[in-house]
Amino acid sequence: MDLRSYYKKVREADAMLVGQHFVMVSMETSEGGKAGVLTEAPRGIAAKLIAESRARVATEEEARDFHATHEEARTVREQDEAAKRVQVMVIPAHELKKQREKS
C-alpha cells in the first residue's frame, strides 16, 4: 500500500467532514466486515473508515434513529440502576406495633 496515497485519501475524507462526531454505517468488506452496523466515531476515525472504504457517513434519518435507539436504551438502563439503589428496610411486626403505641 502506498502510504502517501492512503494519507491523501484520509485528508480528503477529513476535509469533507463537517463537525466532530459522526454516525457511521459499516460496509461489507472482503475481510468479513458486516454491512449496516451503525456506530458513532470521532472525526479522525471517521475519515480513516471512509478512506479505507469500510464505512460511510449515515444519512440524517439513520443518525436520528441511531440516537433515538441509544437514548431509549440509556433511559432504560438509568431506570434499572435507580431501581437497584432503592433501599428497603424490613421492620418486624411487633416493632411496628411498639412504634405505633408510642405515637
C-alpha atoms as a PDB file:
ATOM      1  CA  MET A   1       0.000   0.000   0.000  1.00  0.00           C
ATOM      2  CA  ASP A   2       1.266   3.427  -0.917  1.00  0.00           C
ATOM      3  CA  LEU A   3       1.208   5.443   2.303  1.00  0.00           C
ATOM      4  CA  ARG A   4       1.182   8.784   0.505  1.00  0.00           C
ATOM      5  CA  SER A   5      -1.993   7.964  -1.394  1.00  0.00           C
ATOM      6  CA  TYR A   6      -3.567   6.460   1.735  1.00  0.00           C
ATOM      7  CA  TYR A   7      -2.976   9.566   3.835  1.00  0.00           C
ATOM      8  CA  LYS A   8      -4.073  11.753   0.927  1.00  0.00           C
ATOM      9  CA  LYS A   9      -7.399   9.867   0.918  1.00  0.00           C
ATOM     10  CA  VAL A  10      -7.660  10.293   4.693  1.00  0.00           C
ATOM     11  CA  ARG A  11      -7.021  14.049   4.423  1.00  0.00           C
ATOM     12  CA  GLU A  12      -9.586  14.372   1.622  1.00  0.00           C
ATOM     13  CA  ALA A  13     -12.178  12.468   3.648  1.00  0.00           C
ATOM     14  CA  ASP A  14     -11.380  14.600   6.705  1.00  0.00           C
ATOM     15  CA  ALA A  15     -11.789  17.794   4.673  1.00  0.00           C
ATOM     16  CA  MET A  16     -15.281  16.812   3.514  1.00  0.00           C
ATOM     17  CA  LEU A  17     -16.482  16.064   7.056  1.00  0.00           C
ATOM     18  CA  VAL A  18     -18.190  18.883   8.941  1.00  0.00           C
ATOM     19  CA  GLY A  19     -18.389  18.550  12.731  1.00  0.00           C
ATOM     20  CA  GLN A  20     -16.593  16.467  15.322  1.00  0.00           C
ATOM     21  CA  HIS A  21     -18.636  13.264  15.785  1.00  0.00           C
ATOM     22  CA  PHE A  22     -20.380  11.226  13.112  1.00  0.00           C
ATOM     23  CA  VAL A  23     -22.690   8.254  12.941  1.00  0.00           C
ATOM     24  CA  MET A  24     -21.076   5.774  10.600  1.00  0.00           C
ATOM     25  CA  VAL A  25     -22.648   2.841   8.737  1.00  0.00           C
ATOM     26  CA  SER A  26     -20.343  -0.090   8.100  1.00  0.00           C
ATOM     27  CA  MET A  27     -19.962  -1.572   4.651  1.00  0.00           C
ATOM     28  CA  GLU A  28     -19.389  -5.190   3.743  1.00  0.00           C
ATOM     29  CA  THR A  29     -15.700  -5.960   3.312  1.00  0.00           C
ATOM     30  CA  SER A  30     -13.727  -8.889   1.941  1.00  0.00           C
ATOM     31  CA  GLU A  31     -12.297  -9.458   5.437  1.00  0.00           C
ATOM     32  CA  GLY A  32     -15.735 -10.294   6.838  1.00  0.00           C
ATOM     33  CA  GLY A  33     -16.940  -6.811   7.708  1.00  0.00           C
ATOM     34  CA  LYS A  34     -20.681  -6.770   8.308  1.00  0.00           C
ATOM     35  CA  ALA A  35     -22.742  -4.225   6.389  1.00  0.00           C
ATOM     36  CA  GLY A  36     -25.235  -1.917   8.077  1.00  0.00           C
ATOM     37  CA  VAL A  37     -23.813  -1.712  11.594  1.00  0.00           C
ATOM     38  CA  LEU A  38     -24.155   1.816  12.987  1.00  0.00           C
ATOM     39  CA  THR A  39     -21.678   3.382  15.378  1.00  0.00           C
ATOM     40  CA  GLU A  40     -20.557   6.844  16.405  1.00  0.00           C
ATOM     41  CA  ALA A  41     -16.979   7.878  15.681  1.00  0.00           C
ATOM     42  CA  PRO A  42     -14.833  10.994  16.099  1.00  0.00           C
ATOM     43  CA  ARG A  43     -13.723  12.895  13.014  1.00  0.00           C
ATOM     44  CA  GLY A  44     -10.284  11.249  12.634  1.00  0.00           C
ATOM     45  CA  ILE A  45     -11.593   7.702  12.878  1.00  0.00           C
ATOM     46  CA  ALA A  46     -14.494   8.516  10.545  1.00  0.00           C
ATOM     47  CA  ALA A  47     -12.054   9.849   7.933  1.00  0.00           C
ATOM     48  CA  LYS A  48      -9.957   6.668   8.134  1.00  0.00           C
ATOM     49  CA  LEU A  49     -13.036   4.448   7.793  1.00  0.00           C
ATOM     50  CA  ILE A  50     -14.157   6.375   4.723  1.00  0.00           C
ATOM     51  CA  ALA A  51     -10.663   6.307   3.160  1.00  0.00           C
ATOM     52  CA  GLU A  52     -10.463   2.539   3.696  1.00  0.00           C
ATOM     53  CA  SER A  53     -14.000   2.065   2.261  1.00  0.00           C
ATOM     54  CA  ARG A  54     -15.063   0.329   5.458  1.00  0.00           C
ATOM     55  CA  ALA A  55     -17.895   2.730   6.312  1.00  0.00           C
ATOM     56  CA  ARG A  56     -19.893   5.689   5.112  1.00  0.00           C
ATOM     57  CA  VAL A  57     -21.473   8.608   6.938  1.00  0.00           C
ATOM     58  CA  ALA A  58     -25.061   7.814   7.939  1.00  0.00           C
ATOM     59  CA  THR A  59     -27.940   9.758   6.468  1.00  0.00           C
ATOM     60  CA  GLU A  60     -29.773  12.186   8.763  1.00  0.00           C
ATOM     61  CA  GLU A  61     -32.621   9.703   9.169  1.00  0.00           C
ATOM     62  CA  GLU A  62     -30.248   6.847  10.057  1.00  0.00           C
ATOM     63  CA  ALA A  63     -28.440   9.095  12.546  1.00  0.00           C
ATOM     64  CA  ARG A  64     -31.742  10.191  14.138  1.00  0.00           C
ATOM     65  CA  ASP A  65     -32.841   6.553  14.519  1.00  0.00           C
ATOM     66  CA  PHE A  66     -29.442   5.614  15.965  1.00  0.00           C
ATOM     67  CA  HIS A  67     -29.572   8.398  18.552  1.00  0.00           C
ATOM     68  CA  ALA A  68     -33.218   7.680  19.421  1.00  0.00           C
ATOM     69  CA  THR A  69     -32.482   3.986  19.958  1.00  0.00           C
ATOM     70  CA  HIS A  70     -29.494   4.766  22.166  1.00  0.00           C
ATOM     71  CA  GLU A  71     -31.472   7.367  24.132  1.00  0.00           C
ATOM     72  CA  GLU A  72     -34.182   4.779  24.850  1.00  0.00           C
ATOM     73  CA  ALA A  73     -31.571   2.226  25.923  1.00  0.00           C
ATOM     74  CA  ARG A  74     -29.877   4.831  28.149  1.00  0.00           C
ATOM     75  CA  THR A  75     -33.200   5.706  29.793  1.00  0.00           C
ATOM     76  CA  VAL A  76     -33.990   2.045  30.482  1.00  0.00           C
ATOM     77  CA  ARG A  77     -30.501   1.474  31.899  1.00  0.00           C
ATOM     78  CA  GLU A  78     -30.773   4.531  34.161  1.00  0.00           C
ATOM     79  CA  GLN A  79     -34.164   3.343  35.437  1.00  0.00           C
ATOM     80  CA  ASP A  80     -32.738  -0.107  36.153  1.00  0.00           C
ATOM     81  CA  GLU A  81     -29.816   1.432  38.024  1.00  0.00           C
ATOM     82  CA  ALA A  82     -32.170   3.648  40.034  1.00  0.00           C
ATOM     83  CA  ALA A  83     -34.283   0.617  40.934  1.00  0.00           C
ATOM     84  CA  LYS A  84     -31.172  -1.154  42.220  1.00  0.00           C
ATOM     85  CA  ARG A  85     -30.424   1.777  44.527  1.00  0.00           C
ATOM     86  CA  VAL A  86     -33.850   1.726  46.216  1.00  0.00           C
ATOM     87  CA  GLN A  87     -33.348   0.886  49.864  1.00  0.00           C
ATOM     88  CA  VAL A  88     -35.864  -1.187  51.742  1.00  0.00           C
ATOM     89  CA  MET A  89     -35.940  -1.533  55.492  1.00  0.00           C
ATOM     90  CA  VAL A  90     -37.673  -4.569  56.976  1.00  0.00           C
ATOM     91  CA  ILE A  91     -39.279  -3.926  60.352  1.00  0.00           C
ATOM     92  CA  PRO A  92     -40.721  -6.862  62.299  1.00  0.00           C
ATOM     93  CA  ALA A  93     -44.452  -6.544  63.005  1.00  0.00           C
ATOM     94  CA  HIS A  94     -44.004  -6.378  66.789  1.00  0.00           C
ATOM     95  CA  GLU A  95     -41.531  -3.487  66.410  1.00  0.00           C
ATOM     96  CA  LEU A  96     -44.007  -1.634  64.215  1.00  0.00           C
ATOM     97  CA  LYS A  97     -46.717  -2.117  66.867  1.00  0.00           C
ATOM     98  CA  LYS A  98     -44.397  -0.714  69.545  1.00  0.00           C
ATOM     99  CA  GLN A  99     -43.708   2.363  67.427  1.00  0.00           C
ATOM    100  CA  ARG A 100     -47.412   2.944  66.822  1.00  0.00           C
ATOM    101  CA  GLU A 101     -48.220   2.601  70.540  1.00  0.00           C
ATOM    102  CA  LYS A 102     -45.649   5.267  71.386  1.00  0.00           C
ATOM    103  CA  SER A 103     -47.260   7.696  68.957  1.00  0.00           C
END
